[in-house]
Amino acid sequence: MIYYFIKIIISAISIVIISEIAKRSSFIGGLIASIPLISLLAFFWLYIETKESSKIIDLSYAIFWLVIPSLVLFLILPELLKYGLNFYISILLSIILTIICYWFMIIILGFMGIKL
């Protein structure tokens, strides 16, 4: 139980640090957020729990392929906000479009014979 508490605290602290830095500098906040911190934490937690490199390999490949459709969120959200849409509506629409792109990517990868 303590292990899960430590995982939650470290993960939460990472998010808080990024958001606090972004208040002062969007560039530095973006730089830190662009480092795949969540992926790195997931690699560490998964390895500590399983000691299986094959699980890290599979997770790494899945992340690679799914990063591509996730970029849609970062393109659509600022455009919707520029057009004056409400923040919450913009986030919701961006998430929906990103989910659709995930779906398309999974279908395309399936045609290419890549299973996630």
C-alpha atoms as a PDB file:
ATOM      1  CA  MET A   1       0.000   0.000   0.000  1.00  0.00           C
ATOM      2  CA  ILE A   2       2.848   2.391   0.791  1.00  0.00           C
ATOM      3  CA  TYR A   3       4.312   1.697  -2.663  1.00  0.00           C
ATOM      4  CA  TYR A   4       1.081   2.872  -4.356  1.00  0.00           C
ATOM      5  CA  PHE A   5       1.039   5.979  -2.188  1.00  0.00           C
ATOM      6  CA  ILE A   6       4.623   6.770  -3.231  1.00  0.00           C
ATOM      7  CA  LYS A   7       3.695   6.266  -6.907  1.00  0.00           C
ATOM      8  CA  ILE A   8       0.744   8.644  -6.575  1.00  0.00           C
ATOM      9  CA  ILE A   9       2.782  11.298  -4.748  1.00  0.00           C
ATOM     10  CA  ILE A  10       5.674  11.257  -7.238  1.00  0.00           C
ATOM     11  CA  SER A  11       3.307  11.359 -10.216  1.00  0.00           C
ATOM     12  CA  ALA A  12       1.215  14.175  -8.720  1.00  0.00           C
ATOM     13  CA  ILE A  13       4.272  16.222  -7.761  1.00  0.00           C
ATOM     14  CA  SER A  14       5.513  16.002 -11.362  1.00  0.00           C
ATOM     15  CA  ILE A  15       2.247  17.452 -12.670  1.00  0.00           C
ATOM     16  CA  VAL A  16       2.164  20.224 -10.061  1.00  0.00           C
ATOM     17  CA  ILE A  17       5.759  21.220 -10.796  1.00  0.00           C
ATOM     18  CA  ILE A  18       5.054  21.480 -14.531  1.00  0.00           C
ATOM     19  CA  SER A  19       1.922  23.581 -14.023  1.00  0.00           C
ATOM     20  CA  GLU A  20       3.699  25.914 -11.592  1.00  0.00           C
ATOM     21  CA  ILE A  21       6.651  26.390 -13.947  1.00  0.00           C
ATOM     22  CA  ALA A  22       4.262  26.995 -16.874  1.00  0.00           C
ATOM     23  CA  LYS A  23       2.712  29.910 -14.925  1.00  0.00           C
ATOM     24  CA  ARG A  24       6.075  31.650 -15.081  1.00  0.00           C
ATOM     25  CA  SER A  25       7.292  30.463 -18.485  1.00  0.00           C
ATOM     26  CA  SER A  26       5.215  28.703 -21.121  1.00  0.00           C
ATOM     27  CA  PHE A  27       8.394  27.725 -22.930  1.00  0.00           C
ATOM     28  CA  ILE A  28      10.060  26.042 -19.948  1.00  0.00           C
ATOM     29  CA  GLY A  29       6.768  24.472 -18.860  1.00  0.00           C
ATOM     30  CA  GLY A  30       6.275  23.162 -22.389  1.00  0.00           C
ATOM     31  CA  LEU A  31       9.837  21.913 -22.542  1.00  0.00           C
ATOM     32  CA  ILE A  32       9.449  19.952 -19.317  1.00  0.00           C
ATOM     33  CA  ALA A  33       5.972  18.697 -20.286  1.00  0.00           C
ATOM     34  CA  SER A  34       7.269  17.560 -23.681  1.00  0.00           C
ATOM     35  CA  ILE A  35       9.730  15.245 -21.972  1.00  0.00           C
ATOM     36  CA  PRO A  36       7.780  12.024 -21.716  1.00  0.00           C
ATOM     37  CA  LEU A  37       7.671  12.131 -17.911  1.00  0.00           C
ATOM     38  CA  ILE A  38       4.517  10.050 -17.629  1.00  0.00           C
ATOM     39  CA  SER A  39       5.990   7.442 -19.965  1.00  0.00           C
ATOM     40  CA  LEU A  40       9.250   7.373 -18.022  1.00  0.00           C
ATOM     41  CA  LEU A  41       7.393   7.001 -14.730  1.00  0.00           C
ATOM     42  CA  ALA A  42       5.307   4.201 -16.250  1.00  0.00           C
ATOM     43  CA  PHE A  43       8.499   2.453 -17.412  1.00  0.00           C
ATOM     44  CA  PHE A  44       9.976   2.674 -13.928  1.00  0.00           C
ATOM     45  CA  TRP A  45       6.812   1.520 -12.144  1.00  0.00           C
ATOM     46  CA  LEU A  46       6.277  -1.331 -14.616  1.00  0.00           C
ATOM     47  CA  TYR A  47       9.878  -2.507 -14.389  1.00  0.00           C
ATOM     48  CA  ILE A  48       9.958  -2.299 -10.595  1.00  0.00           C
ATOM     49  CA  GLU A  49       6.740  -4.328 -10.402  1.00  0.00           C
ATOM     50  CA  THR A  50       7.464  -6.937 -13.115  1.00  0.00           C
ATOM     51  CA  LYS A  51      11.225  -6.897 -13.864  1.00  0.00           C
ATOM     52  CA  GLU A  52      10.183  -7.815 -17.437  1.00  0.00           C
ATOM     53  CA  SER A  53      11.958  -5.953 -20.224  1.00  0.00           C
ATOM     54  CA  SER A  54       9.444  -7.325 -22.736  1.00  0.00           C
ATOM     55  CA  LYS A  55       6.670  -5.333 -21.038  1.00  0.00           C
ATOM     56  CA  ILE A  56       8.765  -2.160 -21.314  1.00  0.00           C
ATOM     57  CA  ILE A  57       9.419  -2.897 -24.991  1.00  0.00           C
ATOM     58  CA  ASP A  58       5.708  -3.413 -25.712  1.00  0.00           C
ATOM     59  CA  LEU A  59       4.722  -0.282 -23.789  1.00  0.00           C
ATOM     60  CA  SER A  60       7.394   1.774 -25.548  1.00  0.00           C
ATOM     61  CA  TYR A  61       6.198   0.714 -29.013  1.00  0.00           C
ATOM     62  CA  ALA A  62       2.565   1.384 -28.092  1.00  0.00           C
ATOM     63  CA  ILE A  63       3.453   4.854 -26.805  1.00  0.00           C
ATOM     64  CA  PHE A  64       5.419   5.613 -29.966  1.00  0.00           C
ATOM     65  CA  TRP A  65       2.523   4.802 -32.287  1.00  0.00           C
ATOM     66  CA  LEU A  66      -0.073   6.538 -30.117  1.00  0.00           C
ATOM     67  CA  VAL A  67       1.890   9.762 -29.704  1.00  0.00           C
ATOM     68  CA  ILE A  68       1.185  10.575 -33.344  1.00  0.00           C
ATOM     69  CA  PRO A  69      -2.620  10.891 -33.013  1.00  0.00           C
ATOM     70  CA  SER A  70      -2.260  12.571 -29.611  1.00  0.00           C
ATOM     71  CA  LEU A  71      -0.591  15.539 -31.331  1.00  0.00           C
ATOM     72  CA  VAL A  72      -4.007  16.466 -32.753  1.00  0.00           C
ATOM     73  CA  LEU A  73      -5.005  17.760 -29.320  1.00  0.00           C
ATOM     74  CA  PHE A  74      -2.122  20.232 -29.325  1.00  0.00           C
ATOM     75  CA  LEU A  75      -3.070  21.493 -32.780  1.00  0.00           C
ATOM     76  CA  ILE A  76      -6.849  21.695 -32.355  1.00  0.00           C
ATOM     77  CA  LEU A  77      -7.064  23.135 -28.820  1.00  0.00           C
ATOM     78  CA  PRO A  78      -5.211  26.401 -29.500  1.00  0.00           C
ATOM     79  CA  GLU A  79      -7.131  26.916 -32.747  1.00  0.00           C
ATOM     80  CA  LEU A  80     -10.492  26.501 -31.034  1.00  0.00           C
ATOM     81  CA  LEU A  81      -9.409  28.903 -28.290  1.00  0.00           C
ATOM     82  CA  LYS A  82      -8.234  31.442 -30.902  1.00  0.00           C
ATOM     83  CA  TYR A  83     -11.739  31.336 -32.426  1.00  0.00           C
ATOM     84  CA  GLY A  84     -13.100  32.336 -29.032  1.00  0.00           C
ATOM     85  CA  LEU A  85     -14.687  29.039 -28.037  1.00  0.00           C
ATOM     86  CA  ASN A  86     -15.164  28.441 -24.335  1.00  0.00           C
ATOM     87  CA  PHE A  87     -12.179  26.674 -22.735  1.00  0.00           C
ATOM     88  CA  TYR A  88     -14.185  23.663 -21.554  1.00  0.00           C
ATOM     89  CA  ILE A  89     -15.906  23.202 -24.912  1.00  0.00           C
ATOM     90  CA  SER A  90     -12.530  23.521 -26.651  1.00  0.00           C
ATOM     91  CA  ILE A  91     -11.006  20.870 -24.395  1.00  0.00           C
ATOM     92  CA  LEU A  92     -13.975  18.544 -24.915  1.00  0.00           C
ATOM     93  CA  LEU A  93     -13.891  18.905 -28.715  1.00  0.00           C
ATOM     94  CA  SER A  94     -10.113  18.460 -28.750  1.00  0.00           C
ATOM     95  CA  ILE A  95     -10.397  15.269 -26.705  1.00  0.00           C
ATOM     96  CA  ILE A  96     -13.160  13.902 -28.941  1.00  0.00           C
ATOM     97  CA  LEU A  97     -11.138  14.604 -32.095  1.00  0.00           C
ATOM     98  CA  THR A  98      -8.058  13.046 -30.507  1.00  0.00           C
ATOM     99  CA  ILE A  99     -10.029   9.906 -29.634  1.00  0.00           C
ATOM    100  CA  ILE A 100     -11.213   9.696 -33.242  1.00  0.00           C
ATOM    101  CA  CYS A 101      -7.607  10.006 -34.411  1.00  0.00           C
ATOM    102  CA  TYR A 102      -6.570   7.240 -31.982  1.00  0.00           C
ATOM    103  CA  TRP A 103      -9.275   5.036 -33.474  1.00  0.00           C
ATOM    104  CA  PHE A 104      -8.068   5.740 -37.027  1.00  0.00           C
ATOM    105  CA  MET A 105      -4.447   5.065 -36.026  1.00  0.00           C
ATOM    106  CA  ILE A 106      -5.362   1.721 -34.485  1.00  0.00           C
ATOM    107  CA  ILE A 107      -7.224   0.755 -37.671  1.00  0.00           C
ATOM    108  CA  ILE A 108      -4.301   1.852 -39.888  1.00  0.00           C
ATOM    109  CA  LEU A 109      -1.790  -0.025 -37.714  1.00  0.00           C
ATOM    110  CA  GLY A 110      -4.023  -3.103 -37.926  1.00  0.00           C
ATOM    111  CA  PHE A 111      -3.883  -2.955 -41.730  1.00  0.00           C
ATOM    112  CA  MET A 112      -0.101  -2.698 -41.460  1.00  0.00           C
ATOM    113  CA  GLY A 113      -0.014  -5.787 -39.235  1.00  0.00           C
ATOM    114  CA  ILE A 114       1.063  -3.893 -36.114  1.00  0.00           C
ATOM    115  CA  LYS A 115      -0.741  -4.981 -32.946  1.00  0.00           C
ATOM    116  CA  LEU A 116      -0.647  -2.811 -29.868  1.00  0.00           C
END
